[in-house]
Amino acid sequence: MAIARPVDRRLFFWFDRAHTILTKQADGFLSENSGVSTAQAGVLIYLGFHDGCSLSDLADGIGRNNPAVTGLINRMEKAGLVVRVHGSGDARRKAVRLTELGHLKREQVRDDFRTFNEKLTKGLTQSEADAVLKFLTLAPDNLKDMNG
């Protein structure tokens, strides 16, 4: 006779597994449609709301460290999607702006994400989708004090 087991609640395991699969799927979808990676898409979306922000603010805004963002911006600059400009008040401070191509690519990415999100939330009610969003929004803040 089988032993009944409780529902597996290893949230981090399931979250990590989903993250890996979703990122791979999103990268393929965006690459095929918009020609960018999910990391580049995140930059394009963020800069659409915070164009001209510093590299540090961008790193914080997309949840990546400064060296990773520097490499990402280098690649995006070569692709003609962004430019670095001098920030206000301090000539050493660099800000990042979308180019005209970057603005166009951002709109493509937003359309792709709408399609991707529709497929991603298939089978969820609006309240279930809202609960997932609430969890994903709260979870990082809930863990901020764990490492000091």
C-alpha atoms as a PDB file:
ATOM      1  CA  MET A   1       0.000   0.000   0.000  1.00  0.00           C
ATOM      2  CA  ALA A   2       1.333   3.452  -0.936  1.00  0.00           C
ATOM      3  CA  ILE A   3       2.002   5.943   1.797  1.00  0.00           C
ATOM      4  CA  ALA A   4       0.232   9.252   1.325  1.00  0.00           C
ATOM      5  CA  ARG A   5       2.707  12.108   1.239  1.00  0.00           C
ATOM      6  CA  PRO A   6       1.905  15.758   1.754  1.00  0.00           C
ATOM      7  CA  VAL A   7       2.119  18.134  -1.183  1.00  0.00           C
ATOM      8  CA  ASP A   8       5.751  18.967  -1.891  1.00  0.00           C
ATOM      9  CA  ARG A   9       6.305  22.480  -0.529  1.00  0.00           C
ATOM     10  CA  ARG A  10       9.989  22.960  -1.309  1.00  0.00           C
ATOM     11  CA  LEU A  11       9.177  26.358  -2.776  1.00  0.00           C
ATOM     12  CA  PHE A  12      12.729  27.325  -3.583  1.00  0.00           C
ATOM     13  CA  PHE A  13      13.341  24.059  -5.464  1.00  0.00           C
ATOM     14  CA  TRP A  14      10.214  24.538  -7.558  1.00  0.00           C
ATOM     15  CA  PHE A  15      10.925  28.227  -8.057  1.00  0.00           C
ATOM     16  CA  ASP A  16      14.498  27.510  -9.183  1.00  0.00           C
ATOM     17  CA  ARG A  17      13.329  24.770 -11.547  1.00  0.00           C
ATOM     18  CA  ALA A  18      10.636  27.026 -13.022  1.00  0.00           C
ATOM     19  CA  HIS A  19      13.129  29.902 -13.351  1.00  0.00           C
ATOM     20  CA  THR A  20      15.545  27.736 -15.326  1.00  0.00           C
ATOM     21  CA  ILE A  21      12.875  26.433 -17.678  1.00  0.00           C
ATOM     22  CA  LEU A  22      11.103  29.773 -18.108  1.00  0.00           C
ATOM     23  CA  THR A  23      14.343  31.651 -18.772  1.00  0.00           C
ATOM     24  CA  LYS A  24      15.354  29.132 -21.420  1.00  0.00           C
ATOM     25  CA  GLN A  25      11.920  29.357 -23.056  1.00  0.00           C
ATOM     26  CA  ALA A  26      11.835  33.169 -22.858  1.00  0.00           C
ATOM     27  CA  ASP A  27      15.368  33.463 -24.265  1.00  0.00           C
ATOM     28  CA  GLY A  28      14.419  31.287 -27.244  1.00  0.00           C
ATOM     29  CA  PHE A  29      11.143  33.126 -27.810  1.00  0.00           C
ATOM     30  CA  LEU A  30      12.700  36.603 -27.563  1.00  0.00           C
ATOM     31  CA  SER A  31      15.721  35.644 -29.641  1.00  0.00           C
ATOM     32  CA  GLU A  32      13.492  34.320 -32.405  1.00  0.00           C
ATOM     33  CA  ASN A  33      11.072  37.249 -32.347  1.00  0.00           C
ATOM     34  CA  SER A  34      12.955  40.345 -31.163  1.00  0.00           C
ATOM     35  CA  GLY A  35      16.548  39.215 -31.529  1.00  0.00           C
ATOM     36  CA  VAL A  36      17.470  39.922 -27.876  1.00  0.00           C
ATOM     37  CA  SER A  37      18.099  37.891 -24.722  1.00  0.00           C
ATOM     38  CA  THR A  38      15.972  38.108 -21.584  1.00  0.00           C
ATOM     39  CA  ALA A  39      18.760  40.104 -19.904  1.00  0.00           C
ATOM     40  CA  GLN A  40      18.785  42.617 -22.760  1.00  0.00           C
ATOM     41  CA  ALA A  41      14.982  42.731 -22.712  1.00  0.00           C
ATOM     42  CA  GLY A  42      15.087  43.586 -19.014  1.00  0.00           C
ATOM     43  CA  VAL A  43      17.418  46.509 -19.748  1.00  0.00           C
ATOM     44  CA  LEU A  44      15.230  47.754 -22.579  1.00  0.00           C
ATOM     45  CA  ILE A  45      12.093  47.639 -20.434  1.00  0.00           C
ATOM     46  CA  TYR A  46      13.783  49.269 -17.426  1.00  0.00           C
ATOM     47  CA  LEU A  47      15.342  52.054 -19.499  1.00  0.00           C
ATOM     48  CA  GLY A  48      11.960  52.757 -21.048  1.00  0.00           C
ATOM     49  CA  PHE A  49      10.891  53.909 -17.593  1.00  0.00           C
ATOM     50  CA  HIS A  50      14.277  55.213 -16.364  1.00  0.00           C
ATOM     51  CA  ASP A  51      16.135  56.386 -19.469  1.00  0.00           C
ATOM     52  CA  GLY A  52      19.353  58.147 -18.548  1.00  0.00           C
ATOM     53  CA  CYS A  53      19.826  56.320 -15.239  1.00  0.00           C
ATOM     54  CA  SER A  54      23.262  55.398 -13.911  1.00  0.00           C
ATOM     55  CA  LEU A  55      24.752  51.954 -14.423  1.00  0.00           C
ATOM     56  CA  SER A  56      24.398  51.326 -10.670  1.00  0.00           C
ATOM     57  CA  ASP A  57      20.726  52.255 -10.703  1.00  0.00           C
ATOM     58  CA  LEU A  58      20.213  50.046 -13.744  1.00  0.00           C
ATOM     59  CA  ALA A  59      21.947  47.120 -12.013  1.00  0.00           C
ATOM     60  CA  ASP A  60      19.754  47.567  -8.956  1.00  0.00           C
ATOM     61  CA  GLY A  61      16.631  47.974 -11.091  1.00  0.00           C
ATOM     62  CA  ILE A  62      17.098  44.734 -13.019  1.00  0.00           C
ATOM     63  CA  GLY A  63      18.534  42.741 -10.111  1.00  0.00           C
ATOM     64  CA  ARG A  64      22.050  42.158 -11.435  1.00  0.00           C
ATOM     65  CA  ASN A  65      25.489  43.116 -10.169  1.00  0.00           C
ATOM     66  CA  ASN A  66      27.480  46.018 -11.616  1.00  0.00           C
ATOM     67  CA  PRO A  67      30.087  43.933 -13.523  1.00  0.00           C
ATOM     68  CA  ALA A  68      27.319  41.897 -15.207  1.00  0.00           C
ATOM     69  CA  VAL A  69      25.510  45.082 -16.231  1.00  0.00           C
ATOM     70  CA  THR A  70      28.709  46.616 -17.579  1.00  0.00           C
ATOM     71  CA  GLY A  71      29.246  43.617 -19.883  1.00  0.00           C
ATOM     72  CA  LEU A  72      25.593  43.614 -20.881  1.00  0.00           C
ATOM     73  CA  ILE A  73      25.667  47.330 -21.716  1.00  0.00           C
ATOM     74  CA  ASN A  74      28.901  46.839 -23.695  1.00  0.00           C
ATOM     75  CA  ARG A  75      27.154  44.245 -25.893  1.00  0.00           C
ATOM     76  CA  MET A  76      24.003  46.338 -26.227  1.00  0.00           C
ATOM     77  CA  GLU A  77      26.045  49.410 -27.130  1.00  0.00           C
ATOM     78  CA  LYS A  78      27.795  47.449 -29.899  1.00  0.00           C
ATOM     79  CA  ALA A  79      24.360  46.355 -31.159  1.00  0.00           C
ATOM     80  CA  GLY A  80      23.254  50.008 -31.298  1.00  0.00           C
ATOM     81  CA  LEU A  81      20.530  49.621 -28.657  1.00  0.00           C
ATOM     82  CA  VAL A  82      21.965  51.948 -25.981  1.00  0.00           C
ATOM     83  CA  VAL A  83      24.545  54.685 -25.561  1.00  0.00           C
ATOM     84  CA  ARG A  84      26.490  55.842 -22.529  1.00  0.00           C
ATOM     85  CA  VAL A  85      26.433  59.524 -21.782  1.00  0.00           C
ATOM     86  CA  HIS A  86      27.880  61.656 -19.011  1.00  0.00           C
ATOM     87  CA  GLY A  87      25.589  61.764 -16.016  1.00  0.00           C
ATOM     88  CA  SER A  88      24.385  65.000 -14.529  1.00  0.00           C
ATOM     89  CA  GLY A  89      26.626  66.721 -12.014  1.00  0.00           C
ATOM     90  CA  ASP A  90      29.630  64.390 -12.262  1.00  0.00           C
ATOM     91  CA  ALA A  91      31.611  63.898 -15.476  1.00  0.00           C
ATOM     92  CA  ARG A  92      32.871  60.530 -14.197  1.00  0.00           C
ATOM     93  CA  ARG A  93      29.353  59.183 -13.732  1.00  0.00           C
ATOM     94  CA  LYS A  94      27.982  57.411 -16.774  1.00  0.00           C
ATOM     95  CA  ALA A  95      24.315  57.233 -17.617  1.00  0.00           C
ATOM     96  CA  VAL A  96      22.663  54.886 -20.100  1.00  0.00           C
ATOM     97  CA  ARG A  97      20.131  55.932 -22.723  1.00  0.00           C
ATOM     98  CA  LEU A  98      18.143  54.038 -25.292  1.00  0.00           C
ATOM     99  CA  THR A  99      18.915  54.787 -28.923  1.00  0.00           C
ATOM    100  CA  GLU A 100      16.189  55.102 -31.534  1.00  0.00           C
ATOM    101  CA  LEU A 101      16.788  51.423 -32.375  1.00  0.00           C
ATOM    102  CA  GLY A 102      16.615  50.636 -28.641  1.00  0.00           C
ATOM    103  CA  HIS A 103      13.195  52.297 -28.379  1.00  0.00           C
ATOM    104  CA  LEU A 104      11.941  50.314 -31.388  1.00  0.00           C
ATOM    105  CA  LYS A 105      13.349  47.070 -29.998  1.00  0.00           C
ATOM    106  CA  ARG A 106      11.743  47.835 -26.619  1.00  0.00           C
ATOM    107  CA  GLU A 107       8.310  47.988 -28.244  1.00  0.00           C
ATOM    108  CA  GLN A 108       8.939  44.637 -29.964  1.00  0.00           C
ATOM    109  CA  VAL A 109       9.993  43.150 -26.634  1.00  0.00           C
ATOM    110  CA  ARG A 110       6.898  44.500 -24.882  1.00  0.00           C
ATOM    111  CA  ASP A 111       4.689  42.875 -27.537  1.00  0.00           C
ATOM    112  CA  ASP A 112       6.623  39.612 -27.192  1.00  0.00           C
ATOM    113  CA  PHE A 113       6.247  39.672 -23.406  1.00  0.00           C
ATOM    114  CA  ARG A 114       2.498  40.222 -23.714  1.00  0.00           C
ATOM    115  CA  THR A 115       2.265  37.102 -25.873  1.00  0.00           C
ATOM    116  CA  PHE A 116       4.616  35.146 -23.599  1.00  0.00           C
ATOM    117  CA  ASN A 117       2.726  36.170 -20.445  1.00  0.00           C
ATOM    118  CA  GLU A 118      -0.614  35.175 -21.973  1.00  0.00           C
ATOM    119  CA  LYS A 119       0.770  31.713 -22.665  1.00  0.00           C
ATOM    120  CA  LEU A 120       2.479  31.594 -19.267  1.00  0.00           C
ATOM    121  CA  THR A 121      -0.720  32.328 -17.329  1.00  0.00           C
ATOM    122  CA  LYS A 122      -2.967  30.032 -19.373  1.00  0.00           C
ATOM    123  CA  GLY A 123      -5.203  28.114 -16.977  1.00  0.00           C
ATOM    124  CA  LEU A 124      -4.863  30.599 -14.121  1.00  0.00           C
ATOM    125  CA  THR A 125      -7.694  32.759 -12.924  1.00  0.00           C
ATOM    126  CA  GLN A 126      -6.963  36.458 -12.474  1.00  0.00           C
ATOM    127  CA  SER A 127      -6.843  36.028  -8.683  1.00  0.00           C
ATOM    128  CA  GLU A 128      -4.392  33.112  -9.035  1.00  0.00           C
ATOM    129  CA  ALA A 129      -2.168  35.162 -11.340  1.00  0.00           C
ATOM    130  CA  ASP A 130      -2.365  38.037  -8.834  1.00  0.00           C
ATOM    131  CA  ALA A 131      -1.292  35.659  -6.028  1.00  0.00           C
ATOM    132  CA  VAL A 132       1.723  34.492  -8.055  1.00  0.00           C
ATOM    133  CA  LEU A 133       2.683  38.109  -8.736  1.00  0.00           C
ATOM    134  CA  LYS A 134       2.291  38.968  -5.052  1.00  0.00           C
ATOM    135  CA  PHE A 135       4.552  36.068  -4.070  1.00  0.00           C
ATOM    136  CA  LEU A 136       7.216  37.011  -6.619  1.00  0.00           C
ATOM    137  CA  THR A 137       7.103  40.629  -5.444  1.00  0.00           C
ATOM    138  CA  LEU A 138       7.263  39.840  -1.721  1.00  0.00           C
ATOM    139  CA  ALA A 139       9.690  36.897  -1.707  1.00  0.00           C
ATOM    140  CA  PRO A 140      12.928  38.868  -2.296  1.00  0.00           C
ATOM    141  CA  ASP A 141      12.015  41.408   0.399  1.00  0.00           C
ATOM    142  CA  ASN A 142      11.134  38.616   2.830  1.00  0.00           C
ATOM    143  CA  LEU A 143      14.672  37.257   2.547  1.00  0.00           C
ATOM    144  CA  LYS A 144      16.709  40.482   2.598  1.00  0.00           C
ATOM    145  CA  ASP A 145      17.863  40.094   6.194  1.00  0.00           C
ATOM    146  CA  MET A 146      19.042  36.457   5.841  1.00  0.00           C
ATOM    147  CA  ASN A 147      22.663  37.260   4.951  1.00  0.00           C
ATOM    148  CA  GLY A 148      23.472  39.884   7.476  1.00  0.00           C
END
